[in-house]
Amino acid sequence: MGACLPETVVTNGDLAEKLGVSPEWIEQRTGIRERRHVSGAARQGAAWPSRPAVGR
């Protein structure tokens, strides 16, 4: 099975600053504390984690 865990972490604090709300406000409504984003280069190769699963 393949997997990919992007290194770039975006916390509720990061988003809250931009949105003018508190980190707690985001968590209460979404249940999410942090999310991860892939860079442009990694996004282009996003299929690589699935290759072992499909035998390629």
Protein backbone atom coordinates (compact mmCIF):
# COMPACT_ATOMS: atom_id res chain seq x y z
CA MET A 1 0.00 0.00 0.00
CA GLY A 2 1.29 3.49 -0.80
CA ALA A 3 1.00 6.63 1.28
CA CYS A 4 2.00 10.26 1.20
CA LEU A 5 2.08 12.70 4.11
CA PRO A 6 2.90 16.21 2.87
CA GLU A 7 5.34 18.16 5.02
CA THR A 8 3.56 21.54 4.83
CA VAL A 9 1.22 21.84 7.82
CA VAL A 10 -1.46 24.54 7.91
CA THR A 11 -2.91 24.97 11.38
CA ASN A 12 -6.19 26.53 12.41
CA GLY A 13 -4.10 29.38 13.83
CA ASP A 14 -2.71 30.06 10.35
CA LEU A 15 -6.18 30.13 8.83
CA ALA A 16 -7.79 32.01 11.71
CA GLU A 17 -5.35 34.87 11.26
CA LYS A 18 -6.35 35.27 7.62
CA LEU A 19 -10.09 34.80 8.24
CA GLY A 20 -10.42 36.94 11.35
CA VAL A 21 -11.76 34.15 13.55
CA SER A 22 -10.28 32.06 16.37
CA PRO A 23 -8.65 28.64 15.90
CA GLU A 24 -11.28 27.22 18.25
CA TRP A 25 -14.07 28.59 16.03
CA ILE A 26 -12.68 26.62 13.08
CA GLU A 27 -12.24 23.42 15.08
CA GLN A 28 -15.72 23.58 16.59
CA ARG A 29 -17.29 23.85 13.15
CA THR A 30 -15.06 21.49 11.17
CA GLY A 31 -13.51 19.11 13.70
CA ILE A 32 -10.16 19.76 12.01
CA ARG A 33 -7.06 21.02 13.87
CA GLU A 34 -4.59 21.06 11.01
CA ARG A 35 -4.35 20.11 7.40
CA ARG A 36 -1.45 19.37 5.07
CA HIS A 37 -0.77 20.85 1.66
CA VAL A 38 1.44 19.55 -1.10
CA SER A 39 3.70 21.81 -3.11
CA GLY A 40 3.29 22.25 -6.85
CA ALA A 41 6.10 19.80 -7.67
CA ALA A 42 4.74 17.13 -5.33
CA ARG A 43 1.22 17.62 -6.66
CA GLN A 44 2.37 16.71 -10.16
CA GLY A 45 3.68 13.40 -8.87
CA ALA A 46 0.76 12.66 -6.58
CA ALA A 47 0.08 9.32 -8.27
CA TRP A 48 3.33 7.76 -7.02
CA PRO A 49 1.93 6.56 -3.65
CA SER A 50 -0.70 4.45 -5.42
CA ARG A 51 1.68 2.68 -7.77
CA PRO A 52 2.69 -0.10 -5.29
CA ALA A 53 -0.99 -0.78 -4.62
CA VAL A 54 -1.79 -1.31 -8.30
CA GLY A 55 1.40 -3.19 -9.10
CA ARG A 56 3.08 -0.65 -11.36
